[in-house]
PDB file of N, CA and C in Angstrom:
ATOM      1  N   MET A   1      18.352  26.007  29.739  1.00  0.00           N
ATOM      2  CA  MET A   1      18.107  24.808  30.517  1.00  0.00           C
ATOM      3  C   MET A   1      19.081  23.725  30.044  1.00  0.00           C
ATOM      4  N   ASN A   2      19.644  22.991  30.996  1.00  0.00           N
ATOM      5  CA  ASN A   2      20.603  21.929  30.688  1.00  0.00           C
ATOM      6  C   ASN A   2      19.933  20.561  30.802  1.00  0.00           C
ATOM      7  N   LEU A   3      19.965  19.806  29.707  1.00  0.00           N
ATOM      8  CA  LEU A   3      19.320  18.497  29.623  1.00  0.00           C
ATOM      9  C   LEU A   3      20.379  17.410  29.601  1.00  0.00           C
ATOM     10  N   LEU A   4      20.252  16.442  30.496  1.00  0.00           N
ATOM     11  CA  LEU A   4      21.170  15.305  30.527  1.00  0.00           C
ATOM     12  C   LEU A   4      20.383  14.037  30.221  1.00  0.00           C
ATOM     13  N   PHE A   5      20.842  13.296  29.207  1.00  0.00           N
ATOM     14  CA  PHE A   5      20.192  12.057  28.799  1.00  0.00           C
ATOM     15  C   PHE A   5      21.075  10.883  29.207  1.00  0.00           C
ATOM     16  N   VAL A   6      20.457   9.887  29.858  1.00  0.00           N
ATOM     17  CA  VAL A   6      21.217   8.781  30.428  1.00  0.00           C
ATOM     18  C   VAL A   6      20.644   7.445  29.975  1.00  0.00           C
ATOM     19  N   CYS A   7      21.532   6.563  29.508  1.00  0.00           N
ATOM     20  CA  CYS A   7      21.172   5.172  29.237  1.00  0.00           C
ATOM     21  C   CYS A   7      22.278   4.301  29.842  1.00  0.00           C
ATOM     22  N   SER A   8      22.422   3.088  29.386  1.00  0.00           N
ATOM     23  CA  SER A   8      23.410   2.186  29.989  1.00  0.00           C
ATOM     24  C   SER A   8      24.825   2.430  29.478  1.00  0.00           C
ATOM     25  N   ARG A   9      25.008   2.313  28.165  1.00  0.00           N
ATOM     26  CA  ARG A   9      26.364   2.358  27.599  1.00  0.00           C
ATOM     27  C   ARG A   9      26.660   3.617  26.790  1.00  0.00           C
ATOM     28  N   ASN A  10      25.702   4.526  26.697  1.00  0.00           N
ATOM     29  CA  ASN A  10      25.894   5.779  25.967  1.00  0.00           C
ATOM     30  C   ASN A  10      26.347   5.519  24.537  1.00  0.00           C
ATOM     31  N   LYS A  11      25.670   4.583  23.881  1.00  0.00           N
ATOM     32  CA  LYS A  11      26.010   4.273  22.492  1.00  0.00           C
ATOM     33  C   LYS A  11      24.902   4.650  21.522  1.00  0.00           C
ATOM     34  N   TRP A  12      23.631   4.409  21.873  1.00  0.00           N
ATOM     35  CA  TRP A  12      22.549   4.607  20.915  1.00  0.00           C
ATOM     36  C   TRP A  12      21.470   5.555  21.412  1.00  0.00           C
ATOM     37  N   ARG A  13      20.834   5.223  22.523  1.00  0.00           N
ATOM     38  CA  ARG A  13      19.680   6.009  22.963  1.00  0.00           C
ATOM     39  C   ARG A  13      20.053   7.408  23.443  1.00  0.00           C
ATOM     40  N   SER A  14      20.912   7.496  24.440  1.00  0.00           N
ATOM     41  CA  SER A  14      21.220   8.831  24.962  1.00  0.00           C
ATOM     42  C   SER A  14      22.001   9.691  23.967  1.00  0.00           C
ATOM     43  N   PRO A  15      22.952   9.157  23.175  1.00  0.00           N
ATOM     44  CA  PRO A  15      23.575  10.015  22.162  1.00  0.00           C
ATOM     45  C   PRO A  15      22.589  10.498  21.092  1.00  0.00           C
ATOM     46  N   THR A  16      21.594   9.676  20.770  1.00  0.00           N
ATOM     47  CA  THR A  16      20.559  10.115  19.836  1.00  0.00           C
ATOM     48  C   THR A  16      19.802  11.298  20.423  1.00  0.00           C
ATOM     49  N   ALA A  17      19.415  11.187  21.681  1.00  0.00           N
ATOM     50  CA  ALA A  17      18.704  12.285  22.337  1.00  0.00           C
ATOM     51  C   ALA A  17      19.567  13.547  22.377  1.00  0.00           C
ATOM     52  N   GLU A  18      20.829  13.393  22.700  1.00  0.00           N
ATOM     53  CA  GLU A  18      21.738  14.541  22.723  1.00  0.00           C
ATOM     54  C   GLU A  18      21.797  15.200  21.346  1.00  0.00           C
ATOM     55  N   ALA A  19      21.923  14.398  20.309  1.00  0.00           N
ATOM     56  CA  ALA A  19      22.002  14.935  18.945  1.00  0.00           C
ATOM     57  C   ALA A  19      20.736  15.694  18.560  1.00  0.00           C
ATOM     58  N   ILE A  20      19.592  15.194  18.982  1.00  0.00           N
ATOM     59  CA  ILE A  20      18.314  15.830  18.637  1.00  0.00           C
ATOM     60  C   ILE A  20      18.172  17.189  19.323  1.00  0.00           C
ATOM     61  N   PHE A  21      18.552  17.268  20.593  1.00  0.00           N
ATOM     62  CA  PHE A  21      18.232  18.441  21.406  1.00  0.00           C
ATOM     63  C   PHE A  21      19.398  19.394  21.648  1.00  0.00           C
ATOM     64  N   LYS A  22      20.592  19.111  21.149  1.00  0.00           N
ATOM     65  CA  LYS A  22      21.749  19.936  21.510  1.00  0.00           C
ATOM     66  C   LYS A  22      21.823  21.283  20.794  1.00  0.00           C
ATOM     67  N   ASN A  23      21.389  21.390  19.596  1.00  0.00           N
ATOM     68  CA  ASN A  23      21.531  22.639  18.844  1.00  0.00           C
ATOM     69  C   ASN A  23      20.283  23.500  18.970  1.00  0.00           C
ATOM     70  N   ASN A  24      20.151  24.134  20.119  1.00  0.00           N
ATOM     71  CA  ASN A  24      18.975  24.926  20.403  1.00  0.00           C
ATOM     72  C   ASN A  24      19.394  26.124  21.250  1.00  0.00           C
ATOM     73  N   ASP A  25      18.801  27.277  21.007  1.00  0.00           N
ATOM     74  CA  ASP A  25      19.142  28.485  21.760  1.00  0.00           C
ATOM     75  C   ASP A  25      18.626  28.460  23.194  1.00  0.00           C
ATOM     76  N   GLU A  26      17.630  27.621  23.465  1.00  0.00           N
ATOM     77  CA  GLU A  26      16.995  27.626  24.786  1.00  0.00           C
ATOM     78  C   GLU A  26      17.542  26.575  25.746  1.00  0.00           C
ATOM     79  N   HIS A  27      18.253  25.582  25.247  1.00  0.00           N
ATOM     80  CA  HIS A  27      18.791  24.554  26.131  1.00  0.00           C
ATOM     81  C   HIS A  27      20.045  23.926  25.539  1.00  0.00           C
ATOM     82  N   MET A  28      20.806  23.302  26.438  1.00  0.00           N
ATOM     83  CA  MET A  28      21.987  22.538  26.041  1.00  0.00           C
ATOM     84  C   MET A  28      21.719  21.081  26.398  1.00  0.00           C
ATOM     85  N   ALA A  29      22.359  20.165  25.688  1.00  0.00           N
ATOM     86  CA  ALA A  29      22.139  18.738  25.942  1.00  0.00           C
ATOM     87  C   ALA A  29      23.462  17.996  25.986  1.00  0.00           C
ATOM     88  N   ARG A  30      23.522  17.033  26.889  1.00  0.00           N
ATOM     89  CA  ARG A  30      24.653  16.111  27.000  1.00  0.00           C
ATOM     90  C   ARG A  30      24.084  14.720  27.223  1.00  0.00           C
ATOM     91  N   SER A  31      24.953  13.709  27.067  1.00  0.00           N
ATOM     92  CA  SER A  31      24.514  12.345  27.325  1.00  0.00           C
ATOM     93  C   SER A  31      25.618  11.577  28.037  1.00  0.00           C
ATOM     94  N   ALA A  32      25.194  10.521  28.733  1.00  0.00           N
ATOM     95  CA  ALA A  32      26.137   9.686  29.474  1.00  0.00           C
ATOM     96  C   ALA A  32      25.500   8.322  29.727  1.00  0.00           C
ATOM     97  N   GLY A  33      26.335   7.384  30.168  1.00  0.00           N
ATOM     98  CA  GLY A  33      25.864   6.043  30.502  1.00  0.00           C
ATOM     99  C   GLY A  33      26.170   5.690  31.938  1.00  0.00           C
ATOM    100  N   THR A  34      25.457   4.702  32.442  1.00  0.00           N
ATOM    101  CA  THR A  34      25.625   4.274  33.831  1.00  0.00           C
ATOM    102  C   THR A  34      26.614   3.129  33.994  1.00  0.00           C
ATOM    103  N   GLU A  35      26.923   2.430  32.926  1.00  0.00           N
ATOM    104  CA  GLU A  35      27.784   1.246  33.006  1.00  0.00           C
ATOM    105  C   GLU A  35      29.269   1.608  32.941  1.00  0.00           C
ATOM    106  N   ASN A  36      30.100   0.725  33.495  1.00  0.00           N
ATOM    107  CA  ASN A  36      31.556   0.923  33.403  1.00  0.00           C
ATOM    108  C   ASN A  36      32.021   0.955  31.955  1.00  0.00           C
ATOM    109  N   SER A  37      31.320   0.253  31.088  1.00  0.00           N
ATOM    110  CA  SER A  37      31.695   0.173  29.672  1.00  0.00           C
ATOM    111  C   SER A  37      31.116   1.322  28.834  1.00  0.00           C
ATOM    112  N   ALA A  38      30.482   2.286  29.475  1.00  0.00           N
ATOM    113  CA  ALA A  38      29.850   3.391  28.742  1.00  0.00           C
ATOM    114  C   ALA A  38      30.888   4.201  27.978  1.00  0.00           C
ATOM    115  N   ARG A  39      30.482   4.678  26.822  1.00  0.00           N
ATOM    116  CA  ARG A  39      31.337   5.539  26.002  1.00  0.00           C
ATOM    117  C   ARG A  39      31.708   6.790  26.796  1.00  0.00           C
ATOM    118  N   ILE A  40      30.718   7.423  27.414  1.00  0.00           N
ATOM    119  CA  ILE A  40      30.925   8.531  28.349  1.00  0.00           C
ATOM    120  C   ILE A  40      30.170   8.162  29.614  1.00  0.00           C
ATOM    121  N   ARG A  41      30.882   8.048  30.733  1.00  0.00           N
ATOM    122  CA  ARG A  41      30.247   7.654  31.997  1.00  0.00           C
ATOM    123  C   ARG A  41      29.710   8.865  32.739  1.00  0.00           C
ATOM    124  N   ILE A  42      28.562   8.677  33.352  1.00  0.00           N
ATOM    125  CA  ILE A  42      27.961   9.716  34.179  1.00  0.00           C
ATOM    126  C   ILE A  42      28.918  10.058  35.322  1.00  0.00           C
ATOM    127  N   ASN A  43      28.959  11.343  35.692  1.00  0.00           N
ATOM    128  CA  ASN A  43      29.801  11.736  36.814  1.00  0.00           C
ATOM    129  C   ASN A  43      29.129  12.873  37.586  1.00  0.00           C
ATOM    130  N   GLU A  44      29.729  13.234  38.701  1.00  0.00           N
ATOM    131  CA  GLU A  44      29.147  14.233  39.589  1.00  0.00           C
ATOM    132  C   GLU A  44      28.957  15.586  38.902  1.00  0.00           C
ATOM    133  N   SER A  45      29.923  15.996  38.103  1.00  0.00           N
ATOM    134  CA  SER A  45      29.809  17.315  37.475  1.00  0.00           C
ATOM    135  C   SER A  45      28.657  17.359  36.478  1.00  0.00           C
ATOM    136  N   MET A  46      28.389  16.250  35.782  1.00  0.00           N
ATOM    137  CA  MET A  46      27.251  16.206  34.855  1.00  0.00           C
ATOM    138  C   MET A  46      25.937  16.356  35.609  1.00  0.00           C
ATOM    139  N   ILE A  47      25.832  15.699  36.741  1.00  0.00           N
ATOM    140  CA  ILE A  47      24.605  15.792  37.533  1.00  0.00           C
ATOM    141  C   ILE A  47      24.422  17.215  38.048  1.00  0.00           C
ATOM    142  N   GLY A  48      25.500  17.817  38.504  1.00  0.00           N
ATOM    143  CA  GLY A  48      25.427  19.197  38.970  1.00  0.00           C
ATOM    144  C   GLY A  48      25.037  20.166  37.862  1.00  0.00           C
ATOM    145  N   TRP A  49      25.505  19.906  36.656  1.00  0.00           N
ATOM    146  CA  TRP A  49      25.236  20.750  35.491  1.00  0.00           C
ATOM    147  C   TRP A  49      23.777  20.671  35.047  1.00  0.00           C
ATOM    148  N   ALA A  50      23.165  19.508  35.180  1.00  0.00           N
ATOM    149  CA  ALA A  50      21.842  19.240  34.606  1.00  0.00           C
ATOM    150  C   ALA A  50      20.707  19.906  35.379  1.00  0.00           C
ATOM    151  N   ASP A  51      19.778  20.495  34.616  1.00  0.00           N
ATOM    152  CA  ASP A  51      18.529  20.986  35.203  1.00  0.00           C
ATOM    153  C   ASP A  51      17.476  19.881  35.199  1.00  0.00           C
ATOM    154  N   ILE A  52      17.465  19.088  34.136  1.00  0.00           N
ATOM    155  CA  ILE A  52      16.572  17.931  34.035  1.00  0.00           C
ATOM    156  C   ILE A  52      17.410  16.740  33.578  1.00  0.00           C
ATOM    157  N   ILE A  53      17.197  15.599  34.223  1.00  0.00           N
ATOM    158  CA  ILE A  53      17.872  14.363  33.834  1.00  0.00           C
ATOM    159  C   ILE A  53      16.821  13.420  33.272  1.00  0.00           C
ATOM    160  N   PHE A  54      17.016  13.039  32.029  1.00  0.00           N
ATOM    161  CA  PHE A  54      16.123  12.084  31.367  1.00  0.00           C
ATOM    162  C   PHE A  54      16.818  10.738  31.328  1.00  0.00           C
ATOM    163  N   VAL A  55      16.213   9.727  31.941  1.00  0.00           N
ATOM    164  CA  VAL A  55      16.766   8.372  31.906  1.00  0.00           C
ATOM    165  C   VAL A  55      15.888   7.525  30.997  1.00  0.00           C
ATOM    166  N   MET A  56      16.515   6.587  30.306  1.00  0.00           N
ATOM    167  CA  MET A  56      15.763   5.780  29.349  1.00  0.00           C
ATOM    168  C   MET A  56      14.888   4.734  30.029  1.00  0.00           C
ATOM    169  N   GLU A  57      15.367   4.193  31.170  1.00  0.00           N
ATOM    170  CA  GLU A  57      14.620   3.146  31.873  1.00  0.00           C
ATOM    171  C   GLU A  57      14.694   3.381  33.381  1.00  0.00           C
ATOM    172  N   LYS A  58      13.760   2.777  34.101  1.00  0.00           N
ATOM    173  CA  LYS A  58      13.719   2.910  35.560  1.00  0.00           C
ATOM    174  C   LYS A  58      15.029   2.466  36.199  1.00  0.00           C
ATOM    175  N   LYS A  59      15.672   1.427  35.641  1.00  0.00           N
ATOM    176  CA  LYS A  59      16.920   0.924  36.226  1.00  0.00           C
ATOM    177  C   LYS A  59      18.008   2.002  36.221  1.00  0.00           C
ATOM    178  N   HIS A  60      17.977   2.898  35.244  1.00  0.00           N
ATOM    179  CA  HIS A  60      18.976   3.966  35.188  1.00  0.00           C
ATOM    180  C   HIS A  60      18.765   4.956  36.330  1.00  0.00           C
ATOM    181  N   LYS A  61      17.514   5.264  36.611  1.00  0.00           N
ATOM    182  CA  LYS A  61      17.218   6.156  37.744  1.00  0.00           C
ATOM    183  C   LYS A  61      17.681   5.512  39.050  1.00  0.00           C
ATOM    184  N   LEU A  62      17.410   4.237  39.207  1.00  0.00           N
ATOM    185  CA  LEU A  62      17.815   3.540  40.428  1.00  0.00           C
ATOM    186  C   LEU A  62      19.333   3.522  40.580  1.00  0.00           C
ATOM    187  N   ARG A  63      20.052   3.326  39.490  1.00  0.00           N
ATOM    188  CA  ARG A  63      21.521   3.340  39.541  1.00  0.00           C
ATOM    189  C   ARG A  63      22.042   4.716  39.932  1.00  0.00           C
ATOM    190  N   LEU A  64      21.429   5.760  39.391  1.00  0.00           N
ATOM    191  CA  LEU A  64      21.849   7.118  39.740  1.00  0.00           C
ATOM    192  C   LEU A  64      21.599   7.400  41.220  1.00  0.00           C
ATOM    193  N   ILE A  65      20.431   7.033  41.712  1.00  0.00           N
ATOM    194  CA  ILE A  65      20.104   7.260  43.114  1.00  0.00           C
ATOM    195  C   ILE A  65      21.051   6.481  44.020  1.00  0.00           C
ATOM    196  N   GLU A  66      21.364   5.258  43.627  1.00  0.00           N
ATOM    197  CA  GLU A  66      22.265   4.416  44.410  1.00  0.00           C
ATOM    198  C   GLU A  66      23.642   5.073  44.574  1.00  0.00           C
ATOM    199  N   LYS A  67      24.122   5.706  43.530  1.00  0.00           N
ATOM    200  CA  LYS A  67      25.477   6.256  43.549  1.00  0.00           C
ATOM    201  C   LYS A  67      25.531   7.748  43.897  1.00  0.00           C
ATOM    202  N   TYR A  68      24.498   8.505  43.547  1.00  0.00           N
ATOM    203  CA  TYR A  68      24.545   9.968  43.680  1.00  0.00           C
ATOM    204  C   TYR A  68      23.339  10.552  44.420  1.00  0.00           C
ATOM    205  N   ALA A  69      22.837   9.852  45.418  1.00  0.00           N
ATOM    206  CA  ALA A  69      21.595  10.267  46.088  1.00  0.00           C
ATOM    207  C   ALA A  69      21.617  11.727  46.536  1.00  0.00           C
ATOM    208  N   GLU A  70      22.670  12.152  47.204  1.00  0.00           N
ATOM    209  CA  GLU A  70      22.721  13.525  47.722  1.00  0.00           C
ATOM    210  C   GLU A  70      22.724  14.554  46.596  1.00  0.00           C
ATOM    211  N   LEU A  71      23.469  14.296  45.536  1.00  0.00           N
ATOM    212  CA  LEU A  71      23.542  15.234  44.411  1.00  0.00           C
ATOM    213  C   LEU A  71      22.212  15.360  43.679  1.00  0.00           C
ATOM    214  N   LEU A  72      21.404  14.318  43.752  1.00  0.00           N
ATOM    215  CA  LEU A  72      20.133  14.301  43.017  1.00  0.00           C
ATOM    216  C   LEU A  72      18.985  14.968  43.761  1.00  0.00           C
ATOM    217  N   GLU A  73      19.217  15.362  45.017  1.00  0.00           N
ATOM    218  CA  GLU A  73      18.147  16.014  45.776  1.00  0.00           C
ATOM    219  C   GLU A  73      17.721  17.288  45.060  1.00  0.00           C
ATOM    220  N   GLY A  74      16.433  17.404  44.801  1.00  0.00           N
ATOM    221  CA  GLY A  74      15.892  18.568  44.130  1.00  0.00           C
ATOM    222  C   GLY A  74      15.984  18.517  42.608  1.00  0.00           C
ATOM    223  N   LYS A  75      16.600  17.484  42.067  1.00  0.00           N
ATOM    224  CA  LYS A  75      16.722  17.348  40.608  1.00  0.00           C
ATOM    225  C   LYS A  75      15.473  16.672  40.048  1.00  0.00           C
ATOM    226  N   ASN A  76      15.069  17.115  38.885  1.00  0.00           N
ATOM    227  CA  ASN A  76      13.948  16.500  38.189  1.00  0.00           C
ATOM    228  C   ASN A  76      14.497  15.353  37.334  1.00  0.00           C
ATOM    229  N   ILE A  77      14.114  14.122  37.670  1.00  0.00           N
ATOM    230  CA  ILE A  77      14.535  12.946  36.905  1.00  0.00           C
ATOM    231  C   ILE A  77      13.301  12.365  36.225  1.00  0.00           C
ATOM    232  N   VAL A  78      13.365  12.272  34.903  1.00  0.00           N
ATOM    233  CA  VAL A  78      12.233  11.802  34.110  1.00  0.00           C
ATOM    234  C   VAL A  78      12.582  10.458  33.483  1.00  0.00           C
ATOM    235  N   ILE A  79      11.742   9.455  33.721  1.00  0.00           N
ATOM    236  CA  ILE A  79      11.926   8.138  33.110  1.00  0.00           C
ATOM    237  C   ILE A  79      11.172   8.130  31.783  1.00  0.00           C
ATOM    238  N   LEU A  80      11.891   7.906  30.685  1.00  0.00           N
ATOM    239  CA  LEU A  80      11.284   7.937  29.359  1.00  0.00           C
ATOM    240  C   LEU A  80      10.684   6.598  28.923  1.00  0.00           C
ATOM    241  N   ASP A  81      11.036   5.514  29.601  1.00  0.00           N
ATOM    242  CA  ASP A  81      10.533   4.169  29.260  1.00  0.00           C
ATOM    243  C   ASP A  81      10.831   3.793  27.817  1.00  0.00           C
ATOM    244  N   ILE A  82      12.081   3.963  27.415  1.00  0.00           N
ATOM    245  CA  ILE A  82      12.518   3.585  26.073  1.00  0.00           C
ATOM    246  C   ILE A  82      13.554   2.466  26.220  1.00  0.00           C
ATOM    247  N   GLU A  83      13.164   1.274  25.802  1.00  0.00           N
ATOM    248  CA  GLU A  83      14.044   0.111  25.934  1.00  0.00           C
ATOM    249  C   GLU A  83      15.179   0.155  24.913  1.00  0.00           C
ATOM    250  N   ASP A  84      16.178  -0.670  25.146  1.00  0.00           N
ATOM    251  CA  ASP A  84      17.385  -0.698  24.324  1.00  0.00           C
ATOM    252  C   ASP A  84      17.174  -1.555  23.078  1.00  0.00           C
ATOM    253  N   ASN A  85      16.273  -1.094  22.203  1.00  0.00           N
ATOM    254  CA  ASN A  85      15.927  -1.837  20.992  1.00  0.00           C
ATOM    255  C   ASN A  85      16.234  -1.062  19.716  1.00  0.00           C
ATOM    256  N   TYR A  86      17.022  -0.007  19.807  1.00  0.00           N
ATOM    257  CA  TYR A  86      17.200   0.899  18.673  1.00  0.00           C
ATOM    258  C   TYR A  86      18.673   1.192  18.417  1.00  0.00           C
ATOM    259  N   GLN A  87      18.976   1.490  17.169  1.00  0.00           N
ATOM    260  CA  GLN A  87      20.307   1.937  16.777  1.00  0.00           C
ATOM    261  C   GLN A  87      20.348   3.466  16.864  1.00  0.00           C
ATOM    262  N   TYR A  88      21.552   4.016  16.777  1.00  0.00           N
ATOM    263  CA  TYR A  88      21.736   5.461  16.801  1.00  0.00           C
ATOM    264  C   TYR A  88      20.937   6.134  15.676  1.00  0.00           C
ATOM    265  N   MET A  89      20.152   7.132  16.033  1.00  0.00           N
ATOM    266  CA  MET A  89      19.329   7.938  15.121  1.00  0.00           C
ATOM    267  C   MET A  89      18.260   7.134  14.372  1.00  0.00           C
ATOM    268  N   ASP A  90      17.861   5.989  14.905  1.00  0.00           N
ATOM    269  CA  ASP A  90      16.749   5.223  14.347  1.00  0.00           C
ATOM    270  C   ASP A  90      15.524   6.151  14.290  1.00  0.00           C
ATOM    271  N   PRO A  91      14.847   6.243  13.151  1.00  0.00           N
ATOM    272  CA  PRO A  91      13.706   7.164  13.033  1.00  0.00           C
ATOM    273  C   PRO A  91      12.623   6.942  14.095  1.00  0.00           C
ATOM    274  N   GLU A  92      12.379   5.708  14.455  1.00  0.00           N
ATOM    275  CA  GLU A  92      11.373   5.427  15.492  1.00  0.00           C
ATOM    276  C   GLU A  92      11.850   5.952  16.852  1.00  0.00           C
ATOM    277  N   LEU A  93      13.132   5.773  17.143  1.00  0.00           N
ATOM    278  CA  LEU A  93      13.705   6.281  18.388  1.00  0.00           C
ATOM    279  C   LEU A  93      13.633   7.807  18.424  1.00  0.00           C
ATOM    280  N   VAL A  94      13.987   8.447  17.330  1.00  0.00           N
ATOM    281  CA  VAL A  94      13.933   9.911  17.245  1.00  0.00           C
ATOM    282  C   VAL A  94      12.510  10.404  17.530  1.00  0.00           C
ATOM    283  N   ALA A  95      11.534   9.784  16.917  1.00  0.00           N
ATOM    284  CA  ALA A  95      10.138  10.182  17.126  1.00  0.00           C
ATOM    285  C   ALA A  95       9.713   9.989  18.578  1.00  0.00           C
ATOM    286  N   MET A  96      10.095   8.866  19.174  1.00  0.00           N
ATOM    287  CA  MET A  96       9.743   8.596  20.571  1.00  0.00           C
ATOM    288  C   MET A  96      10.379   9.625  21.508  1.00  0.00           C
ATOM    289  N   LEU A  97      11.636   9.938  21.273  1.00  0.00           N
ATOM    290  CA  LEU A  97      12.332  10.906  22.117  1.00  0.00           C
ATOM    291  C   LEU A  97      11.692  12.289  22.015  1.00  0.00           C
ATOM    292  N   LYS A  98      11.409  12.713  20.805  1.00  0.00           N
ATOM    293  CA  LYS A  98      10.788  14.029  20.633  1.00  0.00           C
ATOM    294  C   LYS A  98       9.443  14.099  21.345  1.00  0.00           C
ATOM    295  N   GLU A  99       8.630  13.072  21.182  1.00  0.00           N
ATOM    296  CA  GLU A  99       7.317  13.050  21.805  1.00  0.00           C
ATOM    297  C   GLU A  99       7.421  13.058  23.332  1.00  0.00           C
ATOM    298  N   ALA A 100       8.378  12.327  23.879  1.00  0.00           N
ATOM    299  CA  ALA A 100       8.505  12.202  25.331  1.00  0.00           C
ATOM    300  C   ALA A 100       9.146  13.427  25.976  1.00  0.00           C
ATOM    301  N   VAL A 101      10.084  14.065  25.300  1.00  0.00           N
ATOM    302  CA  VAL A 101      10.861  15.149  25.905  1.00  0.00           C
ATOM    303  C   VAL A 101      10.237  16.517  25.694  1.00  0.00           C
ATOM    304  N   MET A 102       9.623  16.754  24.542  1.00  0.00           N
ATOM    305  CA  MET A 102       9.122  18.088  24.213  1.00  0.00           C
ATOM    306  C   MET A 102       8.204  18.706  25.286  1.00  0.00           C
ATOM    307  N   PRO A 103       7.321  17.958  25.931  1.00  0.00           N
ATOM    308  CA  PRO A 103       6.465  18.584  26.953  1.00  0.00           C
ATOM    309  C   PRO A 103       7.267  19.222  28.101  1.00  0.00           C
ATOM    310  N   TYR A 104       8.468  18.743  28.354  1.00  0.00           N
ATOM    311  CA  TYR A 104       9.288  19.284  29.441  1.00  0.00           C
ATOM    312  C   TYR A 104      10.043  20.535  29.030  1.00  0.00           C
ATOM    313  N   LEU A 105      10.032  20.850  27.752  1.00  0.00           N
ATOM    314  CA  LEU A 105      10.795  21.990  27.243  1.00  0.00           C
ATOM    315  C   LEU A 105       9.941  23.228  27.044  1.00  0.00           C
ATOM    316  N   LYS A 106       8.664  23.131  27.334  1.00  0.00           N
ATOM    317  CA  LYS A 106       7.770  24.276  27.137  1.00  0.00           C
ATOM    318  C   LYS A 106       7.563  25.046  28.405  1.00  0.00           C
TER     319      LYS A 106
END
């Protein structure tokens, strides 16, 4: 299963999620951002690759739908409700991500 994690600038939240979930035999993980200033910007091929798209906030889902509505048809998009209050690999962020994402991996 291919997991795509999306936040705004791809600096802290989504790269943390990618780091947590990437080294697994059952799934692959990537991350991207929605903003022009993102470290890695979301693109059509990433959306096509993803089986599940996890967005950190509702605004990220809305931005994806605004730009990629047709590509997102039939895609499972999960809003994690994790605000931009954490640094990369913050222990609290790691715990929140694991708790929110693990039910989708079973």
